[in-house]
């Protein structure tokens, strides 16, 4: 979990090796989500703003708006972070965990290049 979080939220998720989403087996889904959320809170605080200076900024306001739209159109549950924590002028988007987004939502169809992590549970990969 810590490695996934580290790769996703380094430089606010604006690196090419950041995962765009995670599939997690239903048998470990709750534990995975609890641990992932705990990593975010320990790094950025309950409101996602605890270490804004250490976390990094989004490249420009246009991309802040794009990320906000991805959150708002995801169709999933926001487990931490979310659009409410966005500070457009500061170009800050908090680390955001999105549980069960719709598969046809833009967040699941395009490269995210930001601190948003959709988590999809599965029972069988086939």
Foldseek 3Di string as FASTA:
>chain_A
DVVLLCLCQAQQNQDPPRDLEAEAAPVCVVVVVVVSVVVQCVVQNQQQNNCQVRRHADPALVLLVVLLQLQVQFQFDWPHFHPVSDDRVRRDGGQIEGEDGPCPRVSNVDRNSGRYYYYYYDHDPD
